[in-house]
């Protein structure tokens, strides 16, 4: 199946930049100790 002639081809998808590691001001990242992260918040079960 071919797209209609009036549609232009899509530009290539850019590659994502590498993730930056942020430093925790308190020096303890809770997700390093086996906690789960949900919507950016560390939760413990």
PDB file of N, CA and C in Angstrom:
ATOM      1  N   UNK A   1       0.849  -1.172   0.000  1.00  0.00           N
ATOM      2  CA  UNK A   1       0.000   0.000   0.000  1.00  0.00           C
ATOM      3  C   UNK A   1       0.893   1.233   0.000  1.00  0.00           C
ATOM      4  N   UNK A   2       0.660   2.116  -0.942  1.00  0.00           N
ATOM      5  CA  UNK A   2       1.470   3.322  -1.070  1.00  0.00           C
ATOM      6  C   UNK A   2       0.706   4.515  -0.501  1.00  0.00           C
ATOM      7  N   UNK A   3       1.423   5.487   0.097  1.00  0.00           N
ATOM      8  CA  UNK A   3       0.753   6.687   0.592  1.00  0.00           C
ATOM      9  C   UNK A   3       0.319   7.562  -0.585  1.00  0.00           C
ATOM     10  N   UNK A   4      -0.664   8.426  -0.370  1.00  0.00           N
ATOM     11  CA  UNK A   4      -1.104   9.316  -1.441  1.00  0.00           C
ATOM     12  C   UNK A   4       0.043  10.217  -1.909  1.00  0.00           C
ATOM     13  N   UNK A   5      -0.008  10.636  -3.168  1.00  0.00           N
ATOM     14  CA  UNK A   5       1.060  11.437  -3.765  1.00  0.00           C
ATOM     15  C   UNK A   5       1.184  12.812  -3.108  1.00  0.00           C
ATOM     16  N   UNK A   6       0.096  13.341  -2.519  1.00  0.00           N
ATOM     17  CA  UNK A   6       0.157  14.686  -1.945  1.00  0.00           C
ATOM     18  C   UNK A   6       0.857  14.717  -0.582  1.00  0.00           C
ATOM     19  N   UNK A   7       1.114  13.561   0.014  1.00  0.00           N
ATOM     20  CA  UNK A   7       1.830  13.518   1.288  1.00  0.00           C
ATOM     21  C   UNK A   7       3.333  13.499   1.033  1.00  0.00           C
ATOM     22  N   UNK A   8       4.055  14.305   1.799  1.00  0.00           N
ATOM     23  CA  UNK A   8       5.511  14.304   1.681  1.00  0.00           C
ATOM     24  C   UNK A   8       6.077  13.242   2.608  1.00  0.00           C
ATOM     25  N   UNK A   9       7.243  12.718   2.280  1.00  0.00           N
ATOM     26  CA  UNK A   9       7.836  11.712   3.170  1.00  0.00           C
ATOM     27  C   UNK A   9       8.207  12.327   4.518  1.00  0.00           C
ATOM     28  N   UNK A  10       8.117  11.533   5.536  1.00  0.00           N
ATOM     29  CA  UNK A  10       8.445  12.008   6.881  1.00  0.00           C
ATOM     30  C   UNK A  10       9.954  12.185   7.020  1.00  0.00           C
ATOM     31  N   UNK A  11      10.377  13.234   7.757  1.00  0.00           N
ATOM     32  CA  UNK A  11      11.816  13.386   7.998  1.00  0.00           C
ATOM     33  C   UNK A  11      12.295  12.295   8.952  1.00  0.00           C
ATOM     34  N   UNK A  12      13.574  11.978   8.929  1.00  0.00           N
ATOM     35  CA  UNK A  12      14.057  10.928   9.836  1.00  0.00           C
ATOM     36  C   UNK A  12      13.922  11.354  11.297  1.00  0.00           C
ATOM     37  N   UNK A  13      13.692  10.389  12.145  1.00  0.00           N
ATOM     38  CA  UNK A  13      13.543  10.654  13.576  1.00  0.00           C
ATOM     39  C   UNK A  13      14.931  10.898  14.165  1.00  0.00           C
ATOM     40  N   UNK A  14      15.120  12.026  14.892  1.00  0.00           N
ATOM     41  CA  UNK A  14      16.447  12.280  15.467  1.00  0.00           C
ATOM     42  C   UNK A  14      16.759  11.301  16.595  1.00  0.00           C
ATOM     43  N   UNK A  15      18.036  10.989  16.748  1.00  0.00           N
ATOM     44  CA  UNK A  15      18.459  10.086  17.817  1.00  0.00           C
ATOM     45  C   UNK A  15      18.429  10.842  19.141  1.00  0.00           C
ATOM     46  N   UNK A  16      17.970  10.206  20.214  1.00  0.00           N
ATOM     47  CA  UNK A  16      17.921  10.894  21.513  1.00  0.00           C
ATOM     48  C   UNK A  16      19.326  11.126  22.061  1.00  0.00           C
ATOM     49  N   UNK A  17      19.447  12.208  22.829  1.00  0.00           N
ATOM     50  CA  UNK A  17      20.721  12.505  23.472  1.00  0.00           C
ATOM     51  C   UNK A  17      20.926  11.539  24.638  1.00  0.00           C
ATOM     52  N   UNK A  18      22.170  11.236  24.988  1.00  0.00           N
ATOM     53  CA  UNK A  18      22.401  10.360  26.139  1.00  0.00           C
ATOM     54  C   UNK A  18      21.864  10.997  27.420  1.00  0.00           C
ATOM     55  N   UNK A  19      21.377  10.156  28.311  1.00  0.00           N
ATOM     56  CA  UNK A  19      20.808  10.641  29.571  1.00  0.00           C
ATOM     57  C   UNK A  19      21.900  11.261  30.428  1.00  0.00           C
ATOM     58  N   UNK A  20      21.539  12.342  31.090  1.00  0.00           N
ATOM     59  CA  UNK A  20      22.477  13.003  31.994  1.00  0.00           C
ATOM     60  C   UNK A  20      22.215  12.538  33.414  1.00  0.00           C
ATOM     61  N   UNK A  21      23.270  12.223  34.115  1.00  0.00           N
ATOM     62  CA  UNK A  21      23.123  11.800  35.501  1.00  0.00           C
ATOM     63  C   UNK A  21      23.117  13.043  36.381  1.00  0.00           C
ATOM     64  N   UNK A  22      22.072  13.171  37.190  1.00  0.00           N
ATOM     65  CA  UNK A  22      21.985  14.316  38.092  1.00  0.00           C
ATOM     66  C   UNK A  22      22.510  13.919  39.459  1.00  0.00           C
ATOM     67  N   UNK A  23      23.079  14.873  40.133  1.00  0.00           N
ATOM     68  CA  UNK A  23      23.632  14.607  41.454  1.00  0.00           C
ATOM     69  C   UNK A  23      22.588  14.932  42.511  1.00  0.00           C
ATOM     70  N   UNK A  24      22.457  14.063  43.480  1.00  0.00           N
ATOM     71  CA  UNK A  24      21.539  14.264  44.592  1.00  0.00           C
ATOM     72  C   UNK A  24      22.225  15.177  45.604  1.00  0.00           C
ATOM     73  N   UNK A  25      21.580  16.298  45.987  1.00  0.00           N
ATOM     74  CA  UNK A  25      22.227  17.212  46.928  1.00  0.00           C
ATOM     75  C   UNK A  25      22.516  16.585  48.290  1.00  0.00           C
ATOM     76  N   UNK A  26      21.747  15.566  48.677  1.00  0.00           N
ATOM     77  CA  UNK A  26      21.975  14.919  49.967  1.00  0.00           C
ATOM     78  C   UNK A  26      22.961  13.758  49.852  1.00  0.00           C
ATOM     79  N   UNK A  27      23.312  13.394  48.628  1.00  0.00           N
ATOM     80  CA  UNK A  27      24.276  12.324  48.430  1.00  0.00           C
ATOM     81  C   UNK A  27      23.687  10.931  48.475  1.00  0.00           C
ATOM     82  N   UNK A  28      22.374  10.806  48.613  1.00  0.00           N
ATOM     83  CA  UNK A  28      21.737   9.490  48.645  1.00  0.00           C
ATOM     84  C   UNK A  28      20.599   9.474  47.632  1.00  0.00           C
ATOM     85  N   UNK A  29      20.718   8.642  46.655  1.00  0.00           N
ATOM     86  CA  UNK A  29      19.683   8.489  45.657  1.00  0.00           C
ATOM     87  C   UNK A  29      18.825   7.299  46.077  1.00  0.00           C
ATOM     88  N   UNK A  30      17.553   7.502  46.459  1.00  0.00           N
ATOM     89  CA  UNK A  30      16.740   6.398  46.985  1.00  0.00           C
ATOM     90  C   UNK A  30      16.529   5.264  45.992  1.00  0.00           C
ATOM     91  N   UNK A  31      16.572   5.537  44.705  1.00  0.00           N
ATOM     92  CA  UNK A  31      16.357   4.458  43.746  1.00  0.00           C
ATOM     93  C   UNK A  31      17.557   3.531  43.659  1.00  0.00           C
ATOM     94  N   UNK A  32      18.684   3.892  44.242  1.00  0.00           N
ATOM     95  CA  UNK A  32      19.858   3.019  44.246  1.00  0.00           C
ATOM     96  C   UNK A  32      19.722   1.909  45.273  1.00  0.00           C
ATOM     97  N   UNK A  33      18.794   2.014  46.181  1.00  0.00           N
ATOM     98  CA  UNK A  33      18.692   1.056  47.276  1.00  0.00           C
ATOM     99  C   UNK A  33      17.524   0.095  47.110  1.00  0.00           C
ATOM    100  N   UNK A  34      17.097  -0.164  45.871  1.00  0.00           N
ATOM    101  CA  UNK A  34      16.069  -1.159  45.607  1.00  0.00           C
ATOM    102  C   UNK A  34      14.648  -0.629  45.634  1.00  0.00           C
ATOM    103  N   UNK A  35      14.454   0.677  45.770  1.00  0.00           N
ATOM    104  CA  UNK A  35      13.109   1.237  45.725  1.00  0.00           C
ATOM    105  C   UNK A  35      12.661   1.334  44.267  1.00  0.00           C
ATOM    106  N   UNK A  36      11.357   1.374  44.071  1.00  0.00           N
ATOM    107  CA  UNK A  36      10.802   1.538  42.746  1.00  0.00           C
ATOM    108  C   UNK A  36      10.533   3.008  42.506  1.00  0.00           C
ATOM    109  N   UNK A  37      10.546   3.414  41.228  1.00  0.00           N
ATOM    110  CA  UNK A  37      10.255   4.792  40.873  1.00  0.00           C
ATOM    111  C   UNK A  37       8.941   4.818  40.109  1.00  0.00           C
ATOM    112  N   UNK A  38       8.028   5.714  40.499  1.00  0.00           N
ATOM    113  CA  UNK A  38       6.730   5.854  39.860  1.00  0.00           C
ATOM    114  C   UNK A  38       6.491   7.324  39.592  1.00  0.00           C
ATOM    115  N   UNK A  39       6.449   7.715  38.320  1.00  0.00           N
ATOM    116  CA  UNK A  39       6.251   9.104  37.910  1.00  0.00           C
ATOM    117  C   UNK A  39       7.278  10.026  38.554  1.00  0.00           C
ATOM    118  N   UNK A  40       8.519   9.576  38.630  1.00  0.00           N
ATOM    119  CA  UNK A  40       9.595  10.394  39.159  1.00  0.00           C
ATOM    120  C   UNK A  40       9.704  10.396  40.668  1.00  0.00           C
ATOM    121  N   UNK A  41       8.871   9.612  41.359  1.00  0.00           N
ATOM    122  CA  UNK A  41       8.891   9.566  42.824  1.00  0.00           C
ATOM    123  C   UNK A  41       9.268   8.149  43.248  1.00  0.00           C
ATOM    124  N   UNK A  42      10.219   8.044  44.156  1.00  0.00           N
ATOM    125  CA  UNK A  42      10.623   6.725  44.646  1.00  0.00           C
ATOM    126  C   UNK A  42       9.585   6.223  45.642  1.00  0.00           C
ATOM    127  N   UNK A  43       9.110   4.993  45.418  1.00  0.00           N
ATOM    128  CA  UNK A  43       8.122   4.391  46.311  1.00  0.00           C
ATOM    129  C   UNK A  43       8.661   3.063  46.809  1.00  0.00           C
ATOM    130  N   UNK A  44       8.234   2.659  47.974  1.00  0.00           N
ATOM    131  CA  UNK A  44       8.671   1.414  48.576  1.00  0.00           C
ATOM    132  C   UNK A  44       7.440   0.555  48.846  1.00  0.00           C
ATOM    133  N   UNK A  45       7.532  -0.730  48.576  1.00  0.00           N
ATOM    134  CA  UNK A  45       6.382  -1.611  48.810  1.00  0.00           C
ATOM    135  C   UNK A  45       6.545  -2.358  50.096  1.00  0.00           C
TER     136      UNK A  45
END
